[in-house]
N, C-alpha and C. Protein backbone atom coordinates (compact mmCIF):
# COMPACT_ATOMS: atom_id res chain seq x y z
N UNK A 1 93.56 71.12 64.46
CA UNK A 1 94.63 70.14 64.63
C UNK A 1 94.45 69.00 63.71
N UNK A 2 95.95 69.09 63.24
CA UNK A 2 95.52 67.89 62.05
C UNK A 2 95.38 66.56 62.53
N UNK A 3 94.78 65.69 61.85
CA UNK A 3 94.51 64.29 62.12
C UNK A 3 95.77 63.41 61.90
N UNK A 4 96.08 62.37 63.05
CA UNK A 4 97.19 61.83 63.13
C UNK A 4 97.31 60.87 61.99
N UNK A 5 98.53 60.72 61.01
CA UNK A 5 98.40 59.51 59.95
C UNK A 5 98.36 58.13 60.35
N UNK A 6 98.10 57.39 59.63
CA UNK A 6 98.23 56.11 59.70
C UNK A 6 99.55 55.66 59.87
N UNK A 7 100.66 55.91 59.57
CA UNK A 7 102.02 55.81 59.71
C UNK A 7 102.22 55.83 61.11
N UNK A 8 101.52 57.03 61.90
CA UNK A 8 101.97 57.28 63.05
C UNK A 8 101.08 56.26 64.14
N UNK A 9 99.98 55.93 63.78
CA UNK A 9 99.00 54.73 64.55
C UNK A 9 100.00 53.36 64.51
N UNK A 10 100.31 53.17 63.05
CA UNK A 10 101.06 51.85 62.86
C UNK A 10 102.31 51.78 63.98
N UNK A 11 103.24 52.90 64.17
CA UNK A 11 104.31 52.97 64.87
C UNK A 11 103.78 52.63 66.45
N UNK A 12 102.73 53.43 66.93
CA UNK A 12 102.10 53.21 68.11
C UNK A 12 101.76 51.95 68.33
N UNK A 13 100.91 51.17 67.52
CA UNK A 13 100.81 49.98 67.96
C UNK A 13 101.73 49.00 67.98
N UNK A 14 103.02 49.18 67.11
CA UNK A 14 104.16 48.08 66.98
C UNK A 14 104.97 48.39 68.45
N UNK A 15 104.74 49.54 68.99
CA UNK A 15 105.54 49.68 70.31
C UNK A 15 104.88 49.24 71.74
N UNK A 16 103.63 48.69 71.64
CA UNK A 16 102.92 48.27 72.72
C UNK A 16 103.51 46.98 73.04
N UNK A 17 103.69 46.79 74.47
CA UNK A 17 104.09 45.55 75.08
C UNK A 17 103.15 44.46 74.59
N UNK A 18 103.93 43.53 74.13
CA UNK A 18 102.75 41.95 73.96
C UNK A 18 102.21 41.35 75.12
N UNK A 19 102.56 41.81 76.48
CA UNK A 19 102.22 41.11 77.39
C UNK A 19 101.04 41.89 78.18
N UNK A 20 100.16 40.95 78.62
CA UNK A 20 99.09 41.87 79.43
C UNK A 20 99.41 42.80 80.19
N UNK A 21 98.82 43.84 80.81
CA UNK A 21 98.97 44.90 82.08
C UNK A 21 98.92 43.76 82.85
N UNK A 22 99.60 44.31 84.07
CA UNK A 22 99.54 43.86 85.57
C UNK A 22 98.03 43.79 86.07
N UNK A 23 97.59 42.79 86.97
CA UNK A 23 96.46 43.05 87.22
C UNK A 23 96.52 44.09 88.48
N UNK A 24 95.54 44.63 89.25
CA UNK A 24 95.48 45.45 90.14
C UNK A 24 95.39 44.60 91.49
N UNK A 25 96.09 45.18 92.40
CA UNK A 25 95.65 44.18 93.71
C UNK A 25 95.70 45.08 94.98
N UNK A 26 94.60 44.82 95.94
CA UNK A 26 94.05 45.46 96.92
C UNK A 26 95.23 45.27 97.95
N UNK A 27 96.15 46.16 98.78
CA UNK A 27 96.87 45.76 99.74
C UNK A 27 96.08 45.27 101.15
N UNK A 28 96.52 44.03 101.77
CA UNK A 28 95.73 43.91 102.44
C UNK A 28 96.05 44.35 103.94
N UNK A 29 95.03 44.35 104.90
CA UNK A 29 94.98 45.12 106.07
C UNK A 29 96.01 44.18 107.10
N UNK A 30 96.30 42.79 106.90
CA UNK A 30 96.97 42.07 107.87
C UNK A 30 97.37 40.86 106.89
N UNK A 31 97.96 39.80 107.52
CA UNK A 31 98.55 38.87 106.93
C UNK A 31 97.49 38.00 106.40
N UNK A 32 96.41 38.02 106.73
CA UNK A 32 95.68 36.91 106.32
C UNK A 32 94.83 37.46 105.34
N UNK A 33 94.88 37.84 103.97
CA UNK A 33 94.29 38.50 103.03
C UNK A 33 93.68 37.36 102.36
N UNK A 34 92.14 37.77 102.02
CA UNK A 34 91.38 36.80 101.36
C UNK A 34 91.22 37.25 99.95
N UNK A 35 91.03 36.25 99.14
CA UNK A 35 90.82 36.80 97.60
C UNK A 35 89.46 37.19 97.45
N UNK A 36 88.64 37.41 97.99
CA UNK A 36 87.15 37.89 98.04
C UNK A 36 87.26 39.51 98.20
N UNK A 37 88.35 40.10 98.48
CA UNK A 37 88.42 41.37 98.54
C UNK A 37 88.32 42.37 97.15
N UNK A 38 87.27 43.01 97.18
CA UNK A 38 86.95 43.84 95.91
C UNK A 38 87.86 45.00 95.69
N UNK A 39 88.12 45.22 94.47
CA UNK A 39 89.06 46.20 94.07
C UNK A 39 88.29 47.82 94.27
N UNK A 40 88.87 48.79 94.10
CA UNK A 40 88.03 49.94 93.98
C UNK A 40 87.57 50.37 92.61
N UNK A 41 86.25 50.93 92.89
CA UNK A 41 85.56 50.97 91.48
C UNK A 41 86.37 52.08 90.78
N UNK A 42 86.44 51.89 89.21
CA UNK A 42 87.25 52.54 88.26
C UNK A 42 86.25 53.71 88.10
N UNK A 43 86.70 55.16 88.15
CA UNK A 43 86.24 56.45 87.92
C UNK A 43 85.10 56.56 86.62
N UNK A 44 84.24 56.74 86.85
CA UNK A 44 83.11 56.84 85.64
C UNK A 44 83.74 57.83 84.73
N UNK A 45 83.45 57.45 83.44
CA UNK A 45 83.83 58.32 82.31
C UNK A 45 82.98 59.70 82.07
N UNK A 46 83.71 60.67 81.74
CA UNK A 46 83.25 61.86 81.68
C UNK A 46 82.03 61.73 80.46
N UNK A 47 81.21 62.77 80.99
CA UNK A 47 79.83 62.51 79.85
C UNK A 47 80.53 63.60 78.74
N UNK A 48 79.93 63.17 77.48
CA UNK A 48 80.58 63.62 76.09
C UNK A 48 79.43 65.14 75.98
N UNK A 49 80.46 65.89 75.46
CA UNK A 49 79.86 67.32 75.28
C UNK A 49 79.56 67.36 73.86
N UNK A 50 78.19 67.98 73.33
CA UNK A 50 77.94 68.27 72.03
C UNK A 50 78.97 69.55 71.77
N UNK A 51 79.57 69.30 70.37
CA UNK A 51 80.48 70.11 69.53
C UNK A 51 79.62 71.01 68.55
N UNK A 52 79.72 72.50 68.74
CA UNK A 52 79.18 73.03 67.53
C UNK A 52 80.29 72.89 66.13
N UNK A 53 79.87 72.11 65.66
CA UNK A 53 81.11 72.17 64.31
C UNK A 53 81.16 73.24 63.03
N UNK A 54 79.99 73.86 63.44
CA UNK A 54 79.86 75.20 62.34
C UNK A 54 80.82 76.07 63.12
N UNK A 55 80.89 76.50 64.31
CA UNK A 55 81.86 77.45 64.85
C UNK A 55 83.17 76.82 65.05
N UNK A 56 83.27 75.38 65.31
CA UNK A 56 84.56 75.06 65.16
C UNK A 56 85.75 75.09 64.09
N UNK A 57 84.71 74.78 62.69
CA UNK A 57 85.72 74.74 61.44
C UNK A 57 85.02 75.74 60.69
N UNK A 58 84.64 77.17 61.00
CA UNK A 58 84.32 78.20 60.05
C UNK A 58 85.39 78.74 59.32
N UNK A 59 86.67 78.47 59.54
CA UNK A 59 87.55 78.81 58.75
C UNK A 59 87.77 77.81 57.59
N UNK A 60 87.27 76.89 57.50
CA UNK A 60 87.51 75.71 56.41
C UNK A 60 86.37 75.69 55.58
N UNK A 61 85.36 76.59 55.98
CA UNK A 61 84.19 77.24 55.00
C UNK A 61 84.64 78.43 54.42
N UNK A 62 85.40 79.12 54.85
CA UNK A 62 86.14 80.32 54.13
C UNK A 62 87.03 79.82 53.05
N UNK A 63 87.93 79.06 53.88
CA UNK A 63 88.77 78.58 52.64
C UNK A 63 88.32 77.93 51.56
N UNK A 64 87.41 77.01 51.74
CA UNK A 64 86.59 76.09 50.68
C UNK A 64 85.99 77.52 50.02
N UNK A 65 85.25 78.10 50.20
CA UNK A 65 84.74 79.56 49.30
C UNK A 65 85.80 80.13 48.67
N UNK A 66 86.93 80.65 49.42
CA UNK A 66 88.20 81.06 48.22
C UNK A 66 88.63 80.48 47.42
N UNK A 67 88.58 78.85 47.78
CA UNK A 67 89.15 78.11 46.71
C UNK A 67 88.02 77.95 45.30
N UNK A 68 87.05 77.96 45.56
CA UNK A 68 85.92 77.91 44.42
C UNK A 68 86.02 79.12 43.58
N UNK A 69 86.00 80.33 44.32
CA UNK A 69 86.06 81.40 43.62
C UNK A 69 87.41 81.49 42.51
N UNK A 70 88.49 80.96 42.99
CA UNK A 70 89.92 81.06 42.74
C UNK A 70 89.56 80.01 41.12
N UNK A 71 89.21 78.71 41.23
CA UNK A 71 89.00 77.75 40.30
C UNK A 71 88.12 78.28 39.53
N UNK A 72 86.91 78.94 39.62
CA UNK A 72 86.07 79.56 38.53
C UNK A 72 86.78 80.59 38.06
N UNK A 73 87.23 81.20 38.45
CA UNK A 73 88.30 82.46 37.79
C UNK A 73 89.13 81.87 36.85
N UNK A 74 90.12 80.93 37.36
CA UNK A 74 90.79 80.10 36.43
C UNK A 74 90.30 79.38 35.29
N UNK A 75 88.80 79.04 35.34
CA UNK A 75 87.94 78.26 34.50
C UNK A 75 87.92 79.16 33.68
N UNK A 76 87.24 80.45 34.01
CA UNK A 76 87.00 81.31 33.06
C UNK A 76 88.31 82.27 32.14
N UNK A 77 89.33 82.20 32.86
CA UNK A 77 90.58 82.71 31.96
C UNK A 77 91.23 81.67 30.97
N UNK A 78 91.02 80.21 31.18
CA UNK A 78 91.15 79.38 30.23
C UNK A 78 90.17 79.11 29.04
N UNK A 79 88.87 79.68 29.14
CA UNK A 79 87.74 79.53 28.42
C UNK A 79 88.21 80.89 27.24
N UNK A 80 88.68 82.04 28.08
CA UNK A 80 88.70 83.10 27.26
C UNK A 80 89.92 82.87 26.59
N UNK A 81 90.86 82.39 27.26
CA UNK A 81 92.56 82.24 26.40
C UNK A 81 92.17 81.07 25.23
N UNK A 82 91.17 79.97 25.20
CA UNK A 82 91.17 79.33 24.17
C UNK A 82 90.22 79.88 23.20
N UNK A 83 89.68 80.85 23.27
CA UNK A 83 89.03 81.87 22.27
C UNK A 83 89.97 82.90 21.43
N UNK A 84 90.88 83.51 22.30
CA UNK A 84 92.07 84.20 21.84
C UNK A 84 92.97 83.41 20.93
N UNK A 85 93.52 82.42 21.84
CA UNK A 85 94.68 81.32 20.93
C UNK A 85 94.23 80.60 19.72
N UNK A 86 93.15 79.99 19.75
CA UNK A 86 92.41 79.30 18.92
C UNK A 86 91.88 79.69 17.73
């Protein structure tokens, strides 16, 4: 998948609200709510998994190899033409 451009990131930043997000409050069980009530704990972040980049980007290696072969062939044609024309 293609990486997002900087332009898209700038637009996302400009659309963010300038006011801070509202704080979470815990609903009280009765009319006498105390400020000592604790908020529920945030869910733990999921553990990071390792990615095998060789398997994920195998097509990139194949594309680079084919571009290198084409570049070498074009260079050989240019050198051959320089002897024929010159």
